[in-house]
C-alpha atoms as a PDB file:
ATOM      1  CA  MET A   1      61.699  -0.785   0.497  1.00  0.00           C
ATOM      2  CA  GLN A   2      58.832  -0.338  -1.492  1.00  0.00           C
ATOM      3  CA  ILE A   3      57.794   2.845  -3.392  1.00  0.00           C
ATOM      4  CA  SER A   4      54.475   2.560  -2.101  1.00  0.00           C
ATOM      5  CA  LYS A   5      51.984   0.552   0.067  1.00  0.00           C
ATOM      6  CA  ASN A   6      49.355   0.480  -2.867  1.00  0.00           C
ATOM      7  CA  GLU A   7      48.690  -2.912  -3.806  1.00  0.00           C
ATOM      8  CA  SER A   8      48.504  -1.846  -7.665  1.00  0.00           C
ATOM      9  CA  TYR A   9      52.176  -0.833  -7.520  1.00  0.00           C
ATOM     10  CA  LYS A  10      52.990  -4.744  -6.271  1.00  0.00           C
ATOM     11  CA  SER A  11      51.161  -6.708  -8.909  1.00  0.00           C
ATOM     12  CA  LEU A  12      48.467  -6.640 -11.612  1.00  0.00           C
ATOM     13  CA  GLY A  13      47.245 -10.132 -12.511  1.00  0.00           C
ATOM     14  CA  GLY A  14      50.232 -11.767 -11.537  1.00  0.00           C
ATOM     15  CA  ILE A  15      52.357  -9.584 -13.634  1.00  0.00           C
ATOM     16  CA  ARG A  16      55.525  -7.866 -11.475  1.00  0.00           C
ATOM     17  CA  LEU A  17      55.686  -4.367 -11.968  1.00  0.00           C
ATOM     18  CA  PHE A  18      58.358  -1.973 -10.741  1.00  0.00           C
ATOM     19  CA  GLY A  19      56.893  -2.333  -7.119  1.00  0.00           C
ATOM     20  CA  ASN A  20      60.423  -2.844  -5.600  1.00  0.00           C
ATOM     21  CA  LEU A  21      62.821  -0.029  -5.709  1.00  0.00           C
ATOM     22  CA  LYS A  22      65.472  -2.697  -6.412  1.00  0.00           C
ATOM     23  CA  VAL A  23      63.879  -3.910  -9.451  1.00  0.00           C
ATOM     24  CA  LEU A  24      63.656  -0.312 -10.828  1.00  0.00           C
ATOM     25  CA  LEU A  25      67.509   0.496 -10.459  1.00  0.00           C
ATOM     26  CA  ILE A  26      68.243  -3.262 -11.688  1.00  0.00           C
ATOM     27  CA  SER A  27      66.253  -2.248 -14.736  1.00  0.00           C
ATOM     28  CA  GLY A  28      67.914   0.761 -15.129  1.00  0.00           C
ATOM     29  CA  LEU A  29      71.366  -1.020 -15.359  1.00  0.00           C
ATOM     30  CA  PHE A  30      69.765  -3.370 -17.767  1.00  0.00           C
ATOM     31  CA  ILE A  31      69.036  -0.567 -20.007  1.00  0.00           C
ATOM     32  CA  ALA A  32      72.319   1.305 -20.056  1.00  0.00           C
ATOM     33  CA  LEU A  33      73.953  -2.379 -20.325  1.00  0.00           C
ATOM     34  CA  SER A  34      71.992  -3.055 -23.714  1.00  0.00           C
ATOM     35  CA  ILE A  35      72.895   0.188 -24.954  1.00  0.00           C
ATOM     36  CA  VAL A  36      76.598  -0.333 -24.410  1.00  0.00           C
ATOM     37  CA  LEU A  37      75.962  -3.937 -25.919  1.00  0.00           C
ATOM     38  CA  GLY A  38      73.981  -2.918 -28.731  1.00  0.00           C
ATOM     39  CA  LYS A  39      75.163   0.605 -29.959  1.00  0.00           C
ATOM     40  CA  GLN A  40      79.070   0.791 -28.357  1.00  0.00           C
ATOM     41  CA  LEU A  41      80.261  -2.783 -28.529  1.00  0.00           C
ATOM     42  CA  SER A  42      78.616  -4.294 -32.131  1.00  0.00           C
ATOM     43  CA  PHE A  43      79.439  -4.673 -35.450  1.00  0.00           C
ATOM     44  CA  THR A  44      76.894  -3.567 -37.875  1.00  0.00           C
ATOM     45  CA  MET A  45      76.979  -3.674 -41.520  1.00  0.00           C
ATOM     46  CA  GLY A  46      73.566  -2.814 -43.260  1.00  0.00           C
ATOM     47  CA  PRO A  47      70.602  -4.756 -41.680  1.00  0.00           C
ATOM     48  CA  ILE A  48      73.219  -6.840 -39.849  1.00  0.00           C
ATOM     49  CA  ARG A  49      74.448  -6.179 -36.331  1.00  0.00           C
ATOM     50  CA  ILE A  50      76.161  -8.683 -34.270  1.00  0.00           C
ATOM     51  CA  SER A  51      75.650  -8.024 -30.720  1.00  0.00           C
ATOM     52  CA  PHE A  52      74.214  -9.197 -27.779  1.00  0.00           C
ATOM     53  CA  GLU A  53      71.974  -6.082 -26.789  1.00  0.00           C
ATOM     54  CA  ASN A  54      68.836  -8.095 -26.399  1.00  0.00           C
ATOM     55  CA  LEU A  55      70.525 -10.178 -23.751  1.00  0.00           C
ATOM     56  CA  THR A  56      69.555  -7.807 -20.871  1.00  0.00           C
ATOM     57  CA  ILE A  57      66.052  -6.955 -22.011  1.00  0.00           C
ATOM     58  CA  LEU A  58      65.695 -10.765 -22.095  1.00  0.00           C
ATOM     59  CA  MET A  59      66.890 -11.105 -18.669  1.00  0.00           C
ATOM     60  CA  ALA A  60      64.311  -8.369 -17.522  1.00  0.00           C
ATOM     61  CA  GLY A  61      61.321  -9.994 -18.970  1.00  0.00           C
ATOM     62  CA  ILE A  62      62.634 -13.407 -17.251  1.00  0.00           C
ATOM     63  CA  MET A  63      63.625 -11.858 -14.380  1.00  0.00           C
ATOM     64  CA  PHE A  64      61.001  -9.315 -13.534  1.00  0.00           C
ATOM     65  CA  GLY A  65      57.903 -10.127 -15.795  1.00  0.00           C
ATOM     66  CA  PRO A  66      56.796  -9.336 -19.359  1.00  0.00           C
ATOM     67  CA  LEU A  67      55.996  -5.196 -18.623  1.00  0.00           C
ATOM     68  CA  VAL A  68      59.304  -4.572 -16.843  1.00  0.00           C
ATOM     69  CA  GLY A  69      61.034  -6.444 -19.840  1.00  0.00           C
ATOM     70  CA  MET A  70      59.054  -4.488 -22.286  1.00  0.00           C
ATOM     71  CA  THR A  71      59.758  -1.135 -20.495  1.00  0.00           C
ATOM     72  CA  VAL A  72      63.452  -1.908 -20.637  1.00  0.00           C
ATOM     73  CA  GLY A  73      63.598  -2.693 -24.631  1.00  0.00           C
ATOM     74  CA  ILE A  74      61.720   0.334 -25.249  1.00  0.00           C
ATOM     75  CA  CYS A  75      63.698   2.310 -23.206  1.00  0.00           C
ATOM     76  CA  ALA A  76      66.856   0.859 -24.153  1.00  0.00           C
ATOM     77  CA  ASP A  77      66.124   1.576 -28.011  1.00  0.00           C
ATOM     78  CA  VAL A  78      64.759   5.159 -27.536  1.00  0.00           C
ATOM     79  CA  ILE A  79      67.521   6.191 -25.471  1.00  0.00           C
ATOM     80  CA  GLY A  80      70.162   4.415 -27.070  1.00  0.00           C
ATOM     81  CA  CYS A  81      69.501   6.024 -30.564  1.00  0.00           C
ATOM     82  CA  ILE A  82      68.908   9.201 -29.034  1.00  0.00           C
ATOM     83  CA  ILE A  83      72.809   9.225 -27.737  1.00  0.00           C
ATOM     84  CA  VAL A  84      74.164   7.582 -30.817  1.00  0.00           C
ATOM     85  CA  GLY A  85      71.957   9.573 -33.269  1.00  0.00           C
ATOM     86  CA  TYR A  86      70.283   7.287 -35.021  1.00  0.00           C
ATOM     87  CA  ALA A  87      66.610   7.580 -36.173  1.00  0.00           C
ATOM     88  CA  ILE A  88      64.124   6.320 -33.729  1.00  0.00           C
ATOM     89  CA  ASN A  89      62.438   3.162 -36.096  1.00  0.00           C
ATOM     90  CA  PRO A  90      59.251   2.759 -34.421  1.00  0.00           C
ATOM     91  CA  LEU A  91      58.973  -0.593 -35.513  1.00  0.00           C
ATOM     92  CA  VAL A  92      62.457  -1.335 -34.136  1.00  0.00           C
ATOM     93  CA  THR A  93      61.285  -0.190 -30.903  1.00  0.00           C
ATOM     94  CA  LEU A  94      58.364  -2.297 -31.078  1.00  0.00           C
ATOM     95  CA  GLY A  95      60.625  -5.294 -31.920  1.00  0.00           C
ATOM     96  CA  ALA A  96      62.685  -4.412 -28.754  1.00  0.00           C
ATOM     97  CA  ALA A  97      59.453  -4.237 -26.774  1.00  0.00           C
ATOM     98  CA  SER A  98      58.351  -7.615 -27.647  1.00  0.00           C
ATOM     99  CA  ILE A  99      61.654  -9.256 -27.021  1.00  0.00           C
ATOM    100  CA  GLY A 100      61.122  -8.161 -23.074  1.00  0.00           C
ATOM    101  CA  LEU A 101      57.202  -8.916 -23.263  1.00  0.00           C
ATOM    102  CA  ILE A 102      57.358 -12.579 -25.008  1.00  0.00           C
ATOM    103  CA  SER A 103      60.228 -13.463 -22.888  1.00  0.00           C
ATOM    104  CA  GLY A 104      58.706 -12.446 -19.815  1.00  0.00           C
ATOM    105  CA  SER A 105      55.079 -13.738 -20.805  1.00  0.00           C
ATOM    106  CA  ILE A 106      56.625 -16.964 -21.560  1.00  0.00           C
ATOM    107  CA  TYR A 107      58.700 -17.386 -18.968  1.00  0.00           C
ATOM    108  CA  PHE A 108      56.075 -16.642 -16.527  1.00  0.00           C
ATOM    109  CA  TYR A 109      53.204 -18.191 -17.646  1.00  0.00           C
ATOM    110  CA  MET A 110      54.116 -21.453 -19.608  1.00  0.00           C
ATOM    111  CA  PHE A 111      56.093 -24.676 -18.936  1.00  0.00           C
ATOM    112  CA  LYS A 112      56.026 -24.371 -15.255  1.00  0.00           C
ATOM    113  CA  ASP A 113      57.261 -27.641 -14.758  1.00  0.00           C
ATOM    114  CA  ASN A 114      60.332 -27.988 -17.135  1.00  0.00           C
ATOM    115  CA  PRO A 115      62.689 -24.601 -16.523  1.00  0.00           C
ATOM    116  CA  LYS A 116      64.761 -25.130 -19.240  1.00  0.00           C
ATOM    117  CA  LEU A 117      62.293 -25.905 -21.754  1.00  0.00           C
ATOM    118  CA  LYS A 118      60.784 -22.478 -20.725  1.00  0.00           C
ATOM    119  CA  LEU A 119      63.686 -20.725 -21.004  1.00  0.00           C
ATOM    120  CA  ILE A 120      64.140 -22.047 -24.452  1.00  0.00           C
ATOM    121  CA  ALA A 121      60.811 -21.291 -25.548  1.00  0.00           C
ATOM    122  CA  ALA A 122      61.348 -17.691 -24.003  1.00  0.00           C
ATOM    123  CA  VAL A 123      64.477 -16.629 -25.885  1.00  0.00           C
ATOM    124  CA  GLY A 124      63.568 -18.887 -28.850  1.00  0.00           C
ATOM    125  CA  LEU A 125      60.117 -16.945 -29.182  1.00  0.00           C
ATOM    126  CA  ALA A 126      61.341 -13.602 -28.305  1.00  0.00           C
ATOM    127  CA  HIS A 127      64.140 -13.646 -31.040  1.00  0.00           C
ATOM    128  CA  ILE A 128      61.876 -15.313 -33.661  1.00  0.00           C
ATOM    129  CA  ILE A 129      59.024 -12.922 -33.461  1.00  0.00           C
ATOM    130  CA  GLY A 130      60.853  -9.849 -32.214  1.00  0.00           C
ATOM    131  CA  SER A 131      64.233  -9.857 -34.072  1.00  0.00           C
ATOM    132  CA  MET A 132      63.611 -11.901 -36.838  1.00  0.00           C
ATOM    133  CA  ILE A 133      59.990 -10.889 -37.669  1.00  0.00           C
ATOM    134  CA  ILE A 134      59.234  -7.365 -36.273  1.00  0.00           C
ATOM    135  CA  LYS A 135      62.922  -5.942 -36.416  1.00  0.00           C
ATOM    136  CA  SER A 136      63.402  -7.116 -39.994  1.00  0.00           C
ATOM    137  CA  ILE A 137      60.339  -5.575 -40.914  1.00  0.00           C
ATOM    138  CA  GLY A 138      61.216  -2.530 -39.578  1.00  0.00           C
ATOM    139  CA  LEU A 139      64.692  -2.419 -41.484  1.00  0.00           C
ATOM    140  CA  TYR A 140      62.721  -3.563 -44.588  1.00  0.00           C
ATOM    141  CA  ILE A 141      60.514  -0.859 -44.617  1.00  0.00           C
ATOM    142  CA  TYR A 142      62.371   1.626 -43.148  1.00  0.00           C
ATOM    143  CA  PHE A 143      65.587   1.632 -45.308  1.00  0.00           C
ATOM    144  CA  SER A 144      64.478  -0.676 -47.988  1.00  0.00           C
ATOM    145  CA  TYR A 145      67.159  -3.170 -47.682  1.00  0.00           C
ATOM    146  CA  SER A 146      67.121  -6.248 -50.035  1.00  0.00           C
ATOM    147  CA  MET A 147      65.296  -9.398 -48.827  1.00  0.00           C
ATOM    148  CA  PRO A 148      68.305 -11.288 -49.285  1.00  0.00           C
ATOM    149  CA  LEU A 149      70.366  -9.427 -46.479  1.00  0.00           C
ATOM    150  CA  ILE A 150      67.351  -9.252 -44.221  1.00  0.00           C
ATOM    151  CA  LEU A 151      67.296 -13.023 -44.478  1.00  0.00           C
ATOM    152  CA  MET A 152      70.928 -13.346 -43.307  1.00  0.00           C
ATOM    153  CA  ARG A 153      69.635 -12.147 -40.095  1.00  0.00           C
ATOM    154  CA  ILE A 154      67.723 -15.221 -39.317  1.00  0.00           C
ATOM    155  CA  PRO A 155      70.906 -17.696 -39.299  1.00  0.00           C
ATOM    156  CA  LEU A 156      72.603 -14.733 -36.917  1.00  0.00           C
ATOM    157  CA  TYR A 157      69.960 -14.397 -34.589  1.00  0.00           C
ATOM    158  CA  ILE A 158      69.641 -18.302 -34.126  1.00  0.00           C
ATOM    159  CA  VAL A 159      73.280 -18.083 -33.467  1.00  0.00           C
ATOM    160  CA  ILE A 160      72.892 -14.828 -30.852  1.00  0.00           C
ATOM    161  CA  GLY A 161      69.856 -16.564 -29.250  1.00  0.00           C
ATOM    162  CA  THR A 162      71.341 -19.816 -28.480  1.00  0.00           C
ATOM    163  CA  VAL A 163      74.496 -17.753 -26.614  1.00  0.00           C
ATOM    164  CA  GLU A 164      72.177 -15.593 -25.118  1.00  0.00           C
ATOM    165  CA  GLY A 165      70.136 -18.160 -23.695  1.00  0.00           C
ATOM    166  CA  TYR A 166      72.930 -20.090 -22.438  1.00  0.00           C
ATOM    167  CA  ILE A 167      74.296 -17.063 -20.726  1.00  0.00           C
ATOM    168  CA  ILE A 168      71.111 -16.715 -18.990  1.00  0.00           C
ATOM    169  CA  TYR A 169      71.033 -20.334 -18.128  1.00  0.00           C
ATOM    170  CA  LEU A 170      74.447 -20.595 -16.495  1.00  0.00           C
ATOM    171  CA  LEU A 171      73.142 -17.309 -14.061  1.00  0.00           C
ATOM    172  CA  MET A 172      70.066 -18.991 -13.396  1.00  0.00           C
ATOM    173  CA  LYS A 173      71.836 -21.770 -12.403  1.00  0.00           C
ATOM    174  CA  ASN A 174      74.345 -20.130 -10.506  1.00  0.00           C
ATOM    175  CA  LYS A 175      73.664 -20.341  -6.703  1.00  0.00           C
ATOM    176  CA  THR A 176      74.672 -16.738  -5.284  1.00  0.00           C
ATOM    177  CA  PHE A 177      72.982 -15.362  -8.551  1.00  0.00           C
ATOM    178  CA  ALA A 178      69.628 -17.096  -7.993  1.00  0.00           C
ATOM    179  CA  ASN A 179      70.015 -16.196  -3.823  1.00  0.00           C
ATOM    180  CA  GLN A 180      70.399 -12.371  -4.826  1.00  0.00           C
ATOM    181  CA  LEU A 181      67.800 -12.673  -7.885  1.00  0.00           C
ATOM    182  CA  GLU A 182      65.448 -13.878  -4.416  1.00  0.00           C
ATOM    183  CA  ARG A 183      66.334 -11.131  -2.764  1.00  0.00           C
ATOM    184  CA  VAL A 184      65.656  -8.647  -5.555  1.00  0.00           C
ATOM    185  CA  GLN A 185      62.138 -10.141  -6.177  1.00  0.00           C
ATOM    186  CA  MET A 186      61.375  -9.862  -2.282  1.00  0.00           C
ATOM    187  CA  ARG A 187      58.312  -7.541  -1.625  1.00  0.00           C
END
């Protein structure tokens, strides 16, 4: 069920693209889930948002590659802001994109012999760079939140990242889920 027989749609330097219609559809579901988890089922107070909005962005990057993860992050943030009525903050959108890009890059290209380590590194570094650094800078610049409030995001995202990583680990460990994922990734 290929969109095109053109090889450039399938992969580019080993990076998976939307060459498979199933990947495109699941990415759309990930975008919708990220919006619901981040904008509807969250607790927000200033720069602090307790949510699992990055879970599906991480999953897209880990399961389908860095470009798909980055695209899911950008689309989820922009569409979510439009739906809820938030102003689109380009630095926060860049942070969401980097979460998908970094998680996919690390998972696909580093620690190939140790799946647990590559999952921990993918989720951890994606949250450190995307959530704790880039998004925090965006919130500081655009909304002038105080530094102590911004620094409260660090322990928050350590906990959220740990929970999200564990959820992804449980899903990847589940044989039924892994079999379905293989079917989706088949060319």
